[in-house]
């Protein structure tokens, strides 16, 4: 069974590629929130993996959050990786 995962280019280059995992990096223009969810839907992705910038709750409320938007709007599962 093929599993389609949408990943950030940086995640692909530094995590997936060195250990031989198959993923395709994608570069698109537009609002990240909409582009990520749209691409995941178009590719029938099983999962979207995003990293968190660790914004405070107040900044997240005032500025919004790509990860929060994707968690609530993507048609597939969203995995959020927190910074160390």
Protein backbone atom coordinates (compact mmCIF):
# COMPACT_ATOMS: atom_id res chain seq x y z
CA UNK A 1 0.00 0.00 0.00
CA UNK A 2 1.37 3.40 -1.02
CA UNK A 3 1.28 6.08 1.64
CA UNK A 4 1.32 9.65 0.33
CA UNK A 5 2.73 12.21 2.74
CA UNK A 6 3.15 15.95 2.13
CA UNK A 7 6.26 17.28 3.82
CA UNK A 8 8.11 20.56 4.04
CA UNK A 9 11.20 20.77 1.81
CA UNK A 10 13.48 21.24 4.84
CA UNK A 11 12.03 18.19 6.58
CA UNK A 12 12.59 16.22 3.39
CA UNK A 13 16.20 17.33 2.89
CA UNK A 14 17.38 16.93 6.47
CA UNK A 15 15.28 14.06 7.84
CA UNK A 16 13.65 11.90 5.16
CA UNK A 17 16.25 11.84 2.39
CA UNK A 18 19.30 10.93 4.56
CA UNK A 19 17.55 7.82 5.92
CA UNK A 20 16.14 6.77 2.55
CA UNK A 21 12.44 7.46 3.10
CA UNK A 22 10.45 8.22 -0.04
CA UNK A 23 8.88 11.67 -0.07
CA UNK A 24 8.45 14.37 -2.69
CA UNK A 25 9.23 17.97 -1.74
CA UNK A 26 6.85 20.55 -3.19
CA UNK A 27 7.34 24.28 -3.63
CA UNK A 28 4.23 26.40 -4.27
CA UNK A 29 3.32 30.08 -4.07
CA UNK A 30 0.37 31.38 -2.09
CA UNK A 31 -0.95 31.29 1.44
CA UNK A 32 0.76 28.36 3.16
CA UNK A 33 -2.43 27.38 4.98
CA UNK A 34 -4.48 27.00 1.83
CA UNK A 35 -1.68 25.59 -0.33
CA UNK A 36 -0.81 22.82 2.13
CA UNK A 37 -4.41 21.69 2.53
CA UNK A 38 -5.15 22.01 -1.19
CA UNK A 39 -2.05 20.02 -2.15
CA UNK A 40 -2.81 17.32 0.41
CA UNK A 41 -6.31 16.96 -1.02
CA UNK A 42 -5.15 16.98 -4.66
CA UNK A 43 -2.54 14.30 -3.96
CA UNK A 44 -4.87 12.20 -1.77
CA UNK A 45 -2.27 12.48 0.99
CA UNK A 46 -2.59 10.16 3.96
CA UNK A 47 -0.69 12.55 6.20
CA UNK A 48 0.78 16.06 6.41
CA UNK A 49 3.81 16.57 8.64
CA UNK A 50 4.42 20.11 9.90
CA UNK A 51 6.84 21.63 12.36
CA UNK A 52 5.74 24.01 15.08
CA UNK A 53 7.52 27.31 15.67
CA UNK A 54 6.45 27.31 19.30
CA UNK A 55 4.38 30.51 19.27
CA UNK A 56 2.82 31.63 22.51
CA UNK A 57 -0.96 31.33 22.81
CA UNK A 58 -1.37 35.11 22.47
CA UNK A 59 0.72 35.30 19.27
CA UNK A 60 -1.15 32.32 17.85
CA UNK A 61 -4.50 34.05 18.53
CA UNK A 62 -3.37 37.41 17.09
CA UNK A 63 -1.35 36.18 14.11
CA UNK A 64 -2.87 32.80 13.41
CA UNK A 65 -0.98 29.56 12.95
CA UNK A 66 -0.38 27.49 9.81
CA UNK A 67 -0.31 24.29 11.84
CA UNK A 68 -3.57 25.14 13.66
CA UNK A 69 -5.30 25.91 10.36
CA UNK A 70 -4.07 22.67 8.77
CA UNK A 71 -5.05 20.56 11.78
CA UNK A 72 -8.64 21.83 11.45
CA UNK A 73 -8.94 22.04 7.66
CA UNK A 74 -6.84 19.33 5.96
CA UNK A 75 -8.72 16.30 4.70
CA UNK A 76 -6.07 13.95 6.10
CA UNK A 77 -4.18 13.46 9.35
CA UNK A 78 -1.76 16.19 10.39
CA UNK A 79 1.31 15.38 12.50
CA UNK A 80 2.83 18.32 14.33
CA UNK A 81 6.52 18.07 15.28
CA UNK A 82 7.54 20.42 18.08
CA UNK A 83 11.00 22.04 18.19
CA UNK A 84 13.44 20.67 20.73
